[in-house]
PDB file of N, CA and C in Angstrom:
ATOM      1  N   MET A   1       0.954-162.970 -19.228  1.00  0.00           N
ATOM      2  CA  MET A   1       0.911-163.671 -19.871  1.00  0.00           C
ATOM      3  C   MET A   1       1.123-164.908 -19.660  1.00  0.00           C
ATOM      4  N   THR A   2      -0.276-165.459 -20.557  1.00  0.00           N
ATOM      5  CA  THR A   2      -0.424-167.202 -19.859  1.00  0.00           C
ATOM      6  C   THR A   2       0.689-167.834 -20.446  1.00  0.00           C
ATOM      7  N   ARG A   3       0.682-169.203 -20.194  1.00  0.00           N
ATOM      8  CA  ARG A   3       1.476-170.142 -20.990  1.00  0.00           C
ATOM      9  C   ARG A   3       0.750-170.641 -22.127  1.00  0.00           C
ATOM     10  N   ASP A   4      -0.329-170.519 -22.541  1.00  0.00           N
ATOM     11  CA  ASP A   4      -0.203-170.543 -24.114  1.00  0.00           C
ATOM     12  C   ASP A   4       0.212-169.587 -24.960  1.00  0.00           C
ATOM     13  N   GLN A   5      -0.109-168.822 -24.137  1.00  0.00           N
ATOM     14  CA  GLN A   5       0.518-167.413 -24.984  1.00  0.00           C
ATOM     15  C   GLN A   5       2.339-167.530 -25.214  1.00  0.00           C
ATOM     16  N   LYS A   6       3.059-167.844 -24.092  1.00  0.00           N
ATOM     17  CA  LYS A   6       4.264-168.133 -24.088  1.00  0.00           C
ATOM     18  C   LYS A   6       4.636-169.101 -25.281  1.00  0.00           C
ATOM     19  N   LEU A   7       4.195-170.224 -25.268  1.00  0.00           N
ATOM     20  CA  LEU A   7       3.937-171.098 -25.697  1.00  0.00           C
ATOM     21  C   LEU A   7       4.091-170.947 -27.803  1.00  0.00           C
ATOM     22  N   TYR A   8       3.074-170.244 -27.354  1.00  0.00           N
ATOM     23  CA  TYR A   8       2.945-169.780 -29.030  1.00  0.00           C
ATOM     24  C   TYR A   8       4.136-168.746 -29.579  1.00  0.00           C
ATOM     25  N   GLY A   9       4.682-167.966 -28.294  1.00  0.00           N
ATOM     26  CA  GLY A   9       5.190-166.932 -28.960  1.00  0.00           C
ATOM     27  C   GLY A   9       7.048-167.788 -29.074  1.00  0.00           C
ATOM     28  N   ASP A  10       7.125-168.896 -28.297  1.00  0.00           N
ATOM     29  CA  ASP A  10       8.249-169.878 -28.824  1.00  0.00           C
ATOM     30  C   ASP A  10       8.467-170.379 -29.936  1.00  0.00           C
ATOM     31  N   SER A  11       7.210-170.726 -30.448  1.00  0.00           N
ATOM     32  CA  SER A  11       6.875-171.092 -31.452  1.00  0.00           C
ATOM     33  C   SER A  11       7.552-170.642 -32.961  1.00  0.00           C
ATOM     34  N   PHE A  12       7.514-169.362 -32.711  1.00  0.00           N
ATOM     35  CA  PHE A  12       7.987-168.276 -33.489  1.00  0.00           C
ATOM     36  C   PHE A  12       9.684-168.504 -33.913  1.00  0.00           C
ATOM     37  N   LEU A  13      10.298-168.695 -31.997  1.00  0.00           N
ATOM     38  CA  LEU A  13      11.674-168.818 -32.316  1.00  0.00           C
ATOM     39  C   LEU A  13      12.340-170.223 -32.981  1.00  0.00           C
ATOM     40  N   TYR A  14      11.257-171.239 -32.634  1.00  0.00           N
ATOM     41  CA  TYR A  14      11.811-172.034 -34.125  1.00  0.00           C
ATOM     42  C   TYR A  14      11.429-171.376 -35.257  1.00  0.00           C
ATOM     43  N   GLN A  15      10.360-171.210 -35.660  1.00  0.00           N
ATOM     44  CA  GLN A  15      10.186-170.611 -37.136  1.00  0.00           C
ATOM     45  C   GLN A  15      11.499-170.223 -37.380  1.00  0.00           C
ATOM     46  N   ALA A  16      11.441-169.108 -36.883  1.00  0.00           N
ATOM     47  CA  ALA A  16      12.749-167.876 -37.145  1.00  0.00           C
ATOM     48  C   ALA A  16      13.814-168.737 -36.965  1.00  0.00           C
ATOM     49  N   PHE A  17      14.575-169.881 -36.469  1.00  0.00           N
ATOM     50  CA  PHE A  17      15.790-170.289 -36.528  1.00  0.00           C
ATOM     51  C   PHE A  17      15.749-171.371 -37.473  1.00  0.00           C
ATOM     52  N   MET A  18      15.009-171.796 -38.057  1.00  0.00           N
ATOM     53  CA  MET A  18      14.649-173.086 -39.040  1.00  0.00           C
ATOM     54  C   MET A  18      14.797-172.034 -40.399  1.00  0.00           C
ATOM     55  N   THR A  19      14.214-170.953 -40.386  1.00  0.00           N
ATOM     56  CA  THR A  19      14.068-170.261 -41.757  1.00  0.00           C
ATOM     57  C   THR A  19      14.986-169.787 -42.159  1.00  0.00           C
ATOM     58  N   ARG A  20      16.109-169.523 -40.997  1.00  0.00           N
ATOM     59  CA  ARG A  20      17.397-168.458 -41.331  1.00  0.00           C
ATOM     60  C   ARG A  20      18.245-169.786 -41.503  1.00  0.00           C
ATOM     61  N   ALA A  21      18.256-171.031 -40.714  1.00  0.00           N
ATOM     62  CA  ALA A  21      19.412-171.970 -41.121  1.00  0.00           C
ATOM     63  C   ALA A  21      18.859-172.555 -42.448  1.00  0.00           C
ATOM     64  N   PHE A  22      17.773-172.775 -43.368  1.00  0.00           N
ATOM     65  CA  PHE A  22      17.565-172.907 -44.139  1.00  0.00           C
ATOM     66  C   PHE A  22      17.609-172.264 -45.426  1.00  0.00           C
ATOM     67  N   ARG A  23      17.720-170.829 -45.023  1.00  0.00           N
ATOM     68  CA  ARG A  23      17.510-169.669 -45.828  1.00  0.00           C
ATOM     69  C   ARG A  23      16.419-169.842 -46.795  1.00  0.00           C
ATOM     70  N   THR A  24      15.153-169.904 -46.394  1.00  0.00           N
ATOM     71  CA  THR A  24      14.214-170.434 -47.046  1.00  0.00           C
ATOM     72  C   THR A  24      12.589-169.519 -46.408  1.00  0.00           C
ATOM     73  N   GLY A  25      11.541-169.881 -46.709  1.00  0.00           N
ATOM     74  CA  GLY A  25      10.607-169.205 -46.243  1.00  0.00           C
ATOM     75  C   GLY A  25      10.040-170.227 -45.045  1.00  0.00           C
ATOM     76  N   ARG A  26       8.959-170.091 -44.187  1.00  0.00           N
ATOM     77  CA  ARG A  26       7.976-171.248 -43.808  1.00  0.00           C
ATOM     78  C   ARG A  26       7.484-172.050 -44.936  1.00  0.00           C
ATOM     79  N   ASP A  27       7.611-173.656 -44.629  1.00  0.00           N
ATOM     80  CA  ASP A  27       7.212-174.537 -45.216  1.00  0.00           C
ATOM     81  C   ASP A  27       6.808-175.509 -44.599  1.00  0.00           C
ATOM     82  N   PRO A  28       5.472-175.708 -43.996  1.00  0.00           N
ATOM     83  CA  PRO A  28       5.135-176.874 -42.836  1.00  0.00           C
ATOM     84  C   PRO A  28       5.757-178.160 -43.526  1.00  0.00           C
ATOM     85  N   LYS A  29       5.576-178.576 -45.107  1.00  0.00           N
ATOM     86  CA  LYS A  29       6.114-179.860 -45.679  1.00  0.00           C
ATOM     87  C   LYS A  29       7.569-180.037 -44.940  1.00  0.00           C
ATOM     88  N   LYS A  30       8.493-178.862 -45.107  1.00  0.00           N
ATOM     89  CA  LYS A  30       9.438-179.387 -44.604  1.00  0.00           C
ATOM     90  C   LYS A  30      10.127-179.149 -43.190  1.00  0.00           C
ATOM     91  N   GLY A  31       9.289-178.452 -42.302  1.00  0.00           N
ATOM     92  CA  GLY A  31       9.626-178.735 -40.439  1.00  0.00           C
ATOM     93  C   GLY A  31       9.776-177.429 -40.798  1.00  0.00           C
ATOM     94  N   THR A  32       9.594-176.169 -41.557  1.00  0.00           N
ATOM     95  CA  THR A  32      10.438-175.017 -41.227  1.00  0.00           C
ATOM     96  C   THR A  32       9.111-173.822 -40.681  1.00  0.00           C
ATOM     97  N   ASP A  33       8.341-174.486 -40.312  1.00  0.00           N
ATOM     98  CA  ASP A  33       7.275-173.354 -39.562  1.00  0.00           C
ATOM     99  C   ASP A  33       7.257-173.842 -38.035  1.00  0.00           C
ATOM    100  N   ASN A  34       6.498-172.992 -37.370  1.00  0.00           N
ATOM    101  CA  ASN A  34       5.873-172.877 -36.303  1.00  0.00           C
ATOM    102  C   ASN A  34       5.229-173.953 -35.487  1.00  0.00           C
ATOM    103  N   GLY A  35       4.251-174.539 -36.754  1.00  0.00           N
ATOM    104  CA  GLY A  35       3.142-175.644 -36.492  1.00  0.00           C
ATOM    105  C   GLY A  35       3.932-176.692 -35.970  1.00  0.00           C
ATOM    106  N   GLU A  36       5.278-177.445 -36.086  1.00  0.00           N
ATOM    107  CA  GLU A  36       5.958-178.753 -35.598  1.00  0.00           C
ATOM    108  C   GLU A  36       6.067-177.828 -34.524  1.00  0.00           C
ATOM    109  N   PHE A  37       6.351-176.783 -33.537  1.00  0.00           N
ATOM    110  CA  PHE A  37       6.515-176.488 -32.687  1.00  0.00           C
ATOM    111  C   PHE A  37       4.936-176.579 -31.778  1.00  0.00           C
ATOM    112  N   ARG A  38       4.411-176.081 -32.430  1.00  0.00           N
ATOM    113  CA  ARG A  38       2.828-176.048 -31.822  1.00  0.00           C
ATOM    114  C   ARG A  38       2.169-177.409 -31.546  1.00  0.00           C
ATOM    115  N   ILE A  39       2.495-178.408 -32.633  1.00  0.00           N
ATOM    116  CA  ILE A  39       1.920-180.028 -31.934  1.00  0.00           C
ATOM    117  C   ILE A  39       2.510-180.108 -30.492  1.00  0.00           C
ATOM    118  N   LEU A  40       3.767-179.610 -30.022  1.00  0.00           N
ATOM    119  CA  LEU A  40       4.048-180.091 -28.870  1.00  0.00           C
ATOM    120  C   LEU A  40       3.472-179.305 -27.970  1.00  0.00           C
ATOM    121  N   GLU A  41       3.250-177.705 -28.143  1.00  0.00           N
ATOM    122  CA  GLU A  41       2.164-177.161 -27.235  1.00  0.00           C
ATOM    123  C   GLU A  41       0.975-177.503 -27.323  1.00  0.00           C
ATOM    124  N   HIS A  42       0.093-178.238 -28.122  1.00  0.00           N
ATOM    125  CA  HIS A  42      -1.235-179.040 -28.113  1.00  0.00           C
ATOM    126  C   HIS A  42      -1.564-180.256 -27.749  1.00  0.00           C
ATOM    127  N   ILE A  43      -0.076-181.030 -27.555  1.00  0.00           N
ATOM    128  CA  ILE A  43       0.357-182.093 -26.644  1.00  0.00           C
ATOM    129  C   ILE A  43       0.148-181.891 -25.354  1.00  0.00           C
ATOM    130  N   GLU A  44       0.880-180.751 -24.907  1.00  0.00           N
ATOM    131  CA  GLU A  44       1.346-180.598 -23.906  1.00  0.00           C
ATOM    132  C   GLU A  44      -0.150-179.864 -23.079  1.00  0.00           C
ATOM    133  N   ASN A  45      -0.539-179.351 -23.770  1.00  0.00           N
ATOM    134  CA  ASN A  45      -1.945-178.716 -23.110  1.00  0.00           C
ATOM    135  C   ASN A  45      -3.128-179.559 -23.062  1.00  0.00           C
ATOM    136  N   GLY A  46      -3.088-180.974 -23.891  1.00  0.00           N
ATOM    137  CA  GLY A  46      -4.096-181.847 -23.869  1.00  0.00           C
ATOM    138  C   GLY A  46      -5.166-181.639 -24.820  1.00  0.00           C
ATOM    139  N   HIS A  47      -5.037-180.533 -25.845  1.00  0.00           N
ATOM    140  CA  HIS A  47      -5.563-180.625 -27.338  1.00  0.00           C
ATOM    141  C   HIS A  47      -5.651-181.653 -27.396  1.00  0.00           C
ATOM    142  N   ILE A  48      -4.582-182.214 -27.803  1.00  0.00           N
ATOM    143  CA  ILE A  48      -4.691-183.272 -28.850  1.00  0.00           C
ATOM    144  C   ILE A  48      -4.265-184.294 -28.435  1.00  0.00           C
ATOM    145  N   ARG A  49      -5.068-185.318 -28.060  1.00  0.00           N
ATOM    146  CA  ARG A  49      -5.104-186.768 -26.853  1.00  0.00           C
ATOM    147  C   ARG A  49      -4.632-187.810 -27.757  1.00  0.00           C
ATOM    148  N   ARG A  50      -4.271-187.997 -29.121  1.00  0.00           N
ATOM    149  CA  ARG A  50      -3.284-188.947 -28.987  1.00  0.00           C
ATOM    150  C   ARG A  50      -1.812-188.831 -29.817  1.00  0.00           C
ATOM    151  N   GLY A  51      -1.532-187.548 -29.311  1.00  0.00           N
ATOM    152  CA  GLY A  51       0.087-187.239 -29.662  1.00  0.00           C
ATOM    153  C   GLY A  51       0.531-187.239 -28.758  1.00  0.00           C
ATOM    154  N   ASP A  52       2.361-188.245 -29.255  1.00  0.00           N
ATOM    155  CA  ASP A  52       3.140-188.595 -27.966  1.00  0.00           C
ATOM    156  C   ASP A  52       4.264-187.357 -27.906  1.00  0.00           C
ATOM    157  N   TYR A  53       4.113-186.867 -27.105  1.00  0.00           N
ATOM    158  CA  TYR A  53       4.967-185.859 -26.428  1.00  0.00           C
ATOM    159  C   TYR A  53       6.544-185.883 -26.401  1.00  0.00           C
ATOM    160  N   GLN A  54       6.782-186.967 -26.573  1.00  0.00           N
ATOM    161  CA  GLN A  54       8.817-187.491 -26.367  1.00  0.00           C
ATOM    162  C   GLN A  54       8.872-187.628 -27.758  1.00  0.00           C
ATOM    163  N   LYS A  55       8.029-188.395 -28.789  1.00  0.00           N
ATOM    164  CA  LYS A  55       7.600-188.697 -29.968  1.00  0.00           C
ATOM    165  C   LYS A  55       8.138-187.017 -30.633  1.00  0.00           C
ATOM    166  N   GLN A  56       7.041-186.052 -30.453  1.00  0.00           N
ATOM    167  CA  GLN A  56       7.409-184.562 -31.137  1.00  0.00           C
ATOM    168  C   GLN A  56       8.200-184.254 -30.712  1.00  0.00           C
ATOM    169  N   MET A  57       8.828-184.425 -29.644  1.00  0.00           N
ATOM    170  CA  MET A  57      10.178-183.690 -28.891  1.00  0.00           C
ATOM    171  C   MET A  57      11.426-184.386 -29.660  1.00  0.00           C
ATOM    172  N   ALA A  58      11.430-185.584 -30.077  1.00  0.00           N
ATOM    173  CA  ALA A  58      12.578-186.206 -30.627  1.00  0.00           C
ATOM    174  C   ALA A  58      12.266-185.505 -32.332  1.00  0.00           C
ATOM    175  N   LYS A  59      11.359-185.182 -32.508  1.00  0.00           N
ATOM    176  CA  LYS A  59      11.506-184.799 -34.201  1.00  0.00           C
ATOM    177  C   LYS A  59      11.687-183.636 -34.294  1.00  0.00           C
ATOM    178  N   LEU A  60      11.147-182.839 -33.104  1.00  0.00           N
ATOM    179  CA  LEU A  60      11.742-181.345 -33.447  1.00  0.00           C
ATOM    180  C   LEU A  60      13.445-181.460 -33.085  1.00  0.00           C
ATOM    181  N   LYS A  61      13.727-182.155 -32.230  1.00  0.00           N
ATOM    182  CA  LYS A  61      15.758-182.210 -32.232  1.00  0.00           C
ATOM    183  C   LYS A  61      16.324-182.618 -33.597  1.00  0.00           C
ATOM    184  N   LYS A  62      15.451-183.747 -33.780  1.00  0.00           N
ATOM    185  CA  LYS A  62      16.169-184.427 -34.624  1.00  0.00           C
ATOM    186  C   LYS A  62      16.049-182.773 -36.232  1.00  0.00           C
ATOM    187  N   LEU A  63      15.091-181.821 -36.043  1.00  0.00           N
ATOM    188  CA  LEU A  63      15.270-181.099 -37.304  1.00  0.00           C
ATOM    189  C   LEU A  63      15.932-180.072 -36.753  1.00  0.00           C
ATOM    190  N   ILE A  64      16.211-179.805 -35.720  1.00  0.00           N
ATOM    191  CA  ILE A  64      17.023-178.654 -35.329  1.00  0.00           C
ATOM    192  C   ILE A  64      18.531-179.408 -35.437  1.00  0.00           C
ATOM    193  N   GLY A  65      18.789-180.541 -35.524  1.00  0.00           N
ATOM    194  CA  GLY A  65      19.959-180.873 -35.402  1.00  0.00           C
ATOM    195  C   GLY A  65      20.559-180.809 -37.201  1.00  0.00           C
ATOM    196  N   LYS A  66      19.295-181.067 -38.010  1.00  0.00           N
ATOM    197  CA  LYS A  66      19.696-180.514 -39.124  1.00  0.00           C
ATOM    198  C   LYS A  66      20.120-179.148 -39.398  1.00  0.00           C
ATOM    199  N   ALA A  67      18.935-178.448 -39.044  1.00  0.00           N
ATOM    200  CA  ALA A  67      19.364-177.112 -39.222  1.00  0.00           C
ATOM    201  C   ALA A  67      20.663-176.715 -38.761  1.00  0.00           C
ATOM    202  N   VAL A  68      21.357-177.044 -37.659  1.00  0.00           N
ATOM    203  CA  VAL A  68      22.096-176.721 -37.067  1.00  0.00           C
ATOM    204  C   VAL A  68      23.540-177.042 -37.839  1.00  0.00           C
ATOM    205  N   GLU A  69      23.377-178.717 -38.000  1.00  0.00           N
ATOM    206  CA  GLU A  69      24.439-178.881 -39.496  1.00  0.00           C
ATOM    207  C   GLU A  69      24.493-177.729 -40.374  1.00  0.00           C
ATOM    208  N   LYS A  70      23.517-177.376 -40.804  1.00  0.00           N
ATOM    209  CA  LYS A  70      23.446-176.552 -41.834  1.00  0.00           C
ATOM    210  C   LYS A  70      24.449-174.954 -41.814  1.00  0.00           C
ATOM    211  N   VAL A  71      23.758-175.048 -40.267  1.00  0.00           N
ATOM    212  CA  VAL A  71      24.873-173.436 -40.440  1.00  0.00           C
ATOM    213  C   VAL A  71      26.128-173.961 -39.617  1.00  0.00           C
ATOM    214  N   LEU A  72      26.459-174.858 -39.306  1.00  0.00           N
ATOM    215  CA  LEU A  72      27.857-174.991 -39.245  1.00  0.00           C
ATOM    216  C   LEU A  72      28.710-175.091 -40.265  1.00  0.00           C
ATOM    217  N   LYS A  73      28.146-175.192 -41.311  1.00  0.00           N
ATOM    218  CA  LYS A  73      28.818-174.873 -42.677  1.00  0.00           C
ATOM    219  C   LYS A  73      28.815-173.258 -43.006  1.00  0.00           C
ATOM    220  N   TRP A  74      28.454-172.254 -42.460  1.00  0.00           N
ATOM    221  CA  TRP A  74      28.644-171.207 -42.819  1.00  0.00           C
ATOM    222  C   TRP A  74      29.706-170.776 -41.944  1.00  0.00           C
ATOM    223  N   LYS A  75      30.193-169.287 -42.676  1.00  0.00           N
ATOM    224  CA  LYS A  75      31.491-168.615 -42.199  1.00  0.00           C
ATOM    225  C   LYS A  75      30.973-168.052 -40.931  1.00  0.00           C
ATOM    226  N   LEU A  76      31.506-168.894 -39.541  1.00  0.00           N
ATOM    227  CA  LEU A  76      31.364-168.002 -38.186  1.00  0.00           C
ATOM    228  C   LEU A  76      32.454-167.946 -37.623  1.00  0.00           C
ATOM    229  N   THR A  77      32.352-167.008 -36.820  1.00  0.00           N
ATOM    230  CA  THR A  77      33.762-166.570 -36.229  1.00  0.00           C
ATOM    231  C   THR A  77      33.741-167.705 -35.000  1.00  0.00           C
ATOM    232  N   ALA A  78      34.624-168.099 -34.226  1.00  0.00           N
ATOM    233  CA  ALA A  78      34.919-168.747 -33.763  1.00  0.00           C
ATOM    234  C   ALA A  78      33.740-168.637 -32.140  1.00  0.00           C
ATOM    235  N   GLU A  79      33.876-167.763 -32.022  1.00  0.00           N
ATOM    236  CA  GLU A  79      32.608-167.612 -30.576  1.00  0.00           C
ATOM    237  C   GLU A  79      31.548-167.857 -31.075  1.00  0.00           C
ATOM    238  N   GLU A  80      30.949-167.722 -32.338  1.00  0.00           N
ATOM    239  CA  GLU A  80      29.560-167.702 -32.859  1.00  0.00           C
ATOM    240  C   GLU A  80      29.421-169.205 -33.286  1.00  0.00           C
ATOM    241  N   LYS A  81      30.209-169.904 -33.549  1.00  0.00           N
ATOM    242  CA  LYS A  81      30.689-171.087 -33.614  1.00  0.00           C
ATOM    243  C   LYS A  81      30.435-172.153 -31.952  1.00  0.00           C
ATOM    244  N   ALA A  82      30.917-171.543 -31.230  1.00  0.00           N
ATOM    245  CA  ALA A  82      31.332-171.800 -30.232  1.00  0.00           C
ATOM    246  C   ALA A  82      29.692-172.325 -29.413  1.00  0.00           C
ATOM    247  N   ASP A  83      29.017-170.709 -29.771  1.00  0.00           N
ATOM    248  CA  ASP A  83      27.577-170.657 -29.117  1.00  0.00           C
ATOM    249  C   ASP A  83      26.912-171.520 -29.820  1.00  0.00           C
ATOM    250  N   VAL A  84      27.017-171.827 -30.961  1.00  0.00           N
ATOM    251  CA  VAL A  84      26.167-172.719 -31.816  1.00  0.00           C
ATOM    252  C   VAL A  84      26.517-173.957 -31.555  1.00  0.00           C
ATOM    253  N   VAL A  85      27.310-174.567 -31.061  1.00  0.00           N
ATOM    254  CA  VAL A  85      27.664-175.978 -30.709  1.00  0.00           C
ATOM    255  C   VAL A  85      26.751-175.921 -29.307  1.00  0.00           C
ATOM    256  N   ARG A  86      27.168-175.012 -28.278  1.00  0.00           N
ATOM    257  CA  ARG A  86      26.726-174.652 -26.789  1.00  0.00           C
ATOM    258  C   ARG A  86      25.222-175.156 -27.071  1.00  0.00           C
ATOM    259  N   PHE A  87      24.694-174.334 -27.640  1.00  0.00           N
ATOM    260  CA  PHE A  87      23.011-174.216 -27.662  1.00  0.00           C
ATOM    261  C   PHE A  87      22.674-175.492 -28.166  1.00  0.00           C
ATOM    262  N   SER A  88      23.325-176.085 -29.614  1.00  0.00           N
ATOM    263  CA  SER A  88      22.550-177.379 -30.003  1.00  0.00           C
ATOM    264  C   SER A  88      22.578-178.301 -29.247  1.00  0.00           C
ATOM    265  N   SER A  89      23.635-178.702 -28.364  1.00  0.00           N
ATOM    266  CA  SER A  89      24.162-179.798 -26.952  1.00  0.00           C
ATOM    267  C   SER A  89      22.858-179.266 -25.995  1.00  0.00           C
ATOM    268  N   MET A  90      22.744-178.266 -25.749  1.00  0.00           N
ATOM    269  CA  MET A  90      21.450-178.001 -25.277  1.00  0.00           C
ATOM    270  C   MET A  90      19.999-178.013 -25.779  1.00  0.00           C
ATOM    271  N   ALA A  91      20.124-177.571 -26.562  1.00  0.00           N
ATOM    272  CA  ALA A  91      18.737-178.286 -27.550  1.00  0.00           C
ATOM    273  C   ALA A  91      18.938-179.944 -27.379  1.00  0.00           C
ATOM    274  N   GLU A  92      19.511-180.358 -27.833  1.00  0.00           N
ATOM    275  CA  GLU A  92      20.158-181.755 -27.744  1.00  0.00           C
ATOM    276  C   GLU A  92      19.437-182.184 -26.588  1.00  0.00           C
ATOM    277  N   ARG A  93      19.387-182.050 -25.221  1.00  0.00           N
ATOM    278  CA  ARG A  93      19.418-182.150 -23.942  1.00  0.00           C
ATOM    279  C   ARG A  93      17.737-182.120 -22.918  1.00  0.00           C
ATOM    280  N   SER A  94      17.118-181.202 -24.113  1.00  0.00           N
ATOM    281  CA  SER A  94      16.341-180.633 -23.369  1.00  0.00           C
ATOM    282  C   SER A  94      14.632-181.158 -23.066  1.00  0.00           C
ATOM    283  N   TYR A  95      14.291-181.149 -22.418  1.00  0.00           N
ATOM    284  CA  TYR A  95      12.971-182.171 -21.681  1.00  0.00           C
ATOM    285  C   TYR A  95      11.697-181.565 -22.300  1.00  0.00           C
ATOM    286  N   ASP A  96      11.337-180.428 -22.434  1.00  0.00           N
ATOM    287  CA  ASP A  96      10.172-179.743 -22.715  1.00  0.00           C
ATOM    288  C   ASP A  96      10.418-178.388 -23.536  1.00  0.00           C
ATOM    289  N   GLY A  97       9.519-177.820 -23.577  1.00  0.00           N
ATOM    290  CA  GLY A  97       9.094-176.796 -24.723  1.00  0.00           C
ATOM    291  C   GLY A  97       9.778-175.421 -24.192  1.00  0.00           C
ATOM    292  N   ASP A  98      10.084-175.172 -22.789  1.00  0.00           N
ATOM    293  CA  ASP A  98      10.965-174.346 -22.339  1.00  0.00           C
ATOM    294  C   ASP A  98      12.288-174.884 -22.440  1.00  0.00           C
ATOM    295  N   ASP A  99      12.575-175.618 -22.090  1.00  0.00           N
ATOM    296  CA  ASP A  99      14.556-175.897 -22.316  1.00  0.00           C
ATOM    297  C   ASP A  99      14.567-175.465 -23.764  1.00  0.00           C
ATOM    298  N   LEU A 100      13.338-176.412 -24.984  1.00  0.00           N
ATOM    299  CA  LEU A 100      14.061-175.729 -26.089  1.00  0.00           C
ATOM    300  C   LEU A 100      14.108-174.799 -26.434  1.00  0.00           C
ATOM    301  N   ALA A 101      12.927-173.932 -26.013  1.00  0.00           N
ATOM    302  CA  ALA A 101      12.614-172.059 -26.362  1.00  0.00           C
ATOM    303  C   ALA A 101      14.515-171.429 -25.605  1.00  0.00           C
ATOM    304  N   VAL A 102      14.157-171.848 -25.247  1.00  0.00           N
ATOM    305  CA  VAL A 102      16.102-171.235 -24.412  1.00  0.00           C
ATOM    306  C   VAL A 102      17.521-171.566 -25.246  1.00  0.00           C
ATOM    307  N   ALA A 103      17.107-173.052 -26.048  1.00  0.00           N
ATOM    308  CA  ALA A 103      18.086-172.661 -26.947  1.00  0.00           C
ATOM    309  C   ALA A 103      17.993-172.292 -28.210  1.00  0.00           C
ATOM    310  N   LEU A 104      16.580-172.089 -28.420  1.00  0.00           N
ATOM    311  CA  LEU A 104      16.358-171.789 -29.869  1.00  0.00           C
ATOM    312  C   LEU A 104      17.180-169.995 -30.061  1.00  0.00           C
ATOM    313  N   ARG A 105      16.364-169.284 -28.867  1.00  0.00           N
ATOM    314  CA  ARG A 105      17.038-168.323 -28.206  1.00  0.00           C
ATOM    315  C   ARG A 105      18.187-168.053 -28.611  1.00  0.00           C
ATOM    316  N   GLY A 106      19.030-168.952 -27.983  1.00  0.00           N
ATOM    317  CA  GLY A 106      20.766-168.937 -28.172  1.00  0.00           C
ATOM    318  C   GLY A 106      21.065-169.134 -29.621  1.00  0.00           C
ATOM    319  N   LEU A 107      20.382-170.201 -30.272  1.00  0.00           N
ATOM    320  CA  LEU A 107      20.886-170.023 -31.234  1.00  0.00           C
ATOM    321  C   LEU A 107      20.319-169.257 -32.273  1.00  0.00           C
ATOM    322  N   LEU A 108      19.576-168.402 -32.491  1.00  0.00           N
ATOM    323  CA  LEU A 108      19.568-167.211 -32.728  1.00  0.00           C
ATOM    324  C   LEU A 108      19.826-166.043 -32.965  1.00  0.00           C
ATOM    325  N   ASP A 109      20.646-166.005 -31.626  1.00  0.00           N
ATOM    326  CA  ASP A 109      21.156-165.019 -30.988  1.00  0.00           C
ATOM    327  C   ASP A 109      22.755-165.117 -31.629  1.00  0.00           C
ATOM    328  N   ALA A 110      23.320-166.609 -31.615  1.00  0.00           N
ATOM    329  CA  ALA A 110      24.461-166.508 -31.842  1.00  0.00           C
ATOM    330  C   ALA A 110      24.518-166.457 -33.622  1.00  0.00           C
ATOM    331  N   THR A 111      23.550-166.447 -34.176  1.00  0.00           N
ATOM    332  CA  THR A 111      23.309-166.655 -35.839  1.00  0.00           C
ATOM    333  C   THR A 111      22.683-164.982 -36.355  1.00  0.00           C
ATOM    334  N   HIS A 112      22.881-164.690 -35.486  1.00  0.00           N
ATOM    335  CA  HIS A 112      22.269-163.105 -35.561  1.00  0.00           C
ATOM    336  C   HIS A 112      22.683-162.456 -36.879  1.00  0.00           C
ATOM    337  N   ARG A 113      24.143-162.283 -36.677  1.00  0.00           N
ATOM    338  CA  ARG A 113      24.902-161.470 -37.917  1.00  0.00           C
ATOM    339  C   ARG A 113      24.962-161.952 -39.181  1.00  0.00           C
ATOM    340  N   LEU A 114      24.402-163.047 -39.243  1.00  0.00           N
ATOM    341  CA  LEU A 114      24.276-163.860 -40.492  1.00  0.00           C
ATOM    342  C   LEU A 114      22.935-163.794 -41.254  1.00  0.00           C
ATOM    343  N   LYS A 115      21.619-163.579 -40.495  1.00  0.00           N
ATOM    344  CA  LYS A 115      20.516-163.343 -40.957  1.00  0.00           C
ATOM    345  C   LYS A 115      20.018-162.684 -42.118  1.00  0.00           C
ATOM    346  N   GLU A 116      19.558-163.098 -42.810  1.00  0.00           N
ATOM    347  CA  GLU A 116      18.945-162.077 -43.999  1.00  0.00           C
ATOM    348  C   GLU A 116      18.071-161.008 -44.329  1.00  0.00           C
ATOM    349  N   GLY A 117      17.914-160.460 -44.980  1.00  0.00           N
ATOM    350  CA  GLY A 117      17.380-159.469 -44.912  1.00  0.00           C
ATOM    351  C   GLY A 117      17.390-158.461 -43.666  1.00  0.00           C
TER     352      GLY A 117
END
């Protein structure tokens, strides 16, 4: 698997968590689709020359933070809540898309019981 393929796959972790947290479909206007994460990928790979990597990371962290706030209002077990808090903290400390993907995978695992459908 190439780096581009990995990052593309990671973008769907972002989309899956965001749509689960907001209990909605993908919506580019609300930041719940993988496009926000893909922008980070494109900046990293040099496909977008004017993009600011740190600014896009901050935007993603802010969007994920809002999603976590929603999730923490759910009826979570103590273990699920602890995991959400731990992986949310990991997302906040992320330096790149790889770190963010690990946190998103953890957030998805922590909320798996409450997924819709």
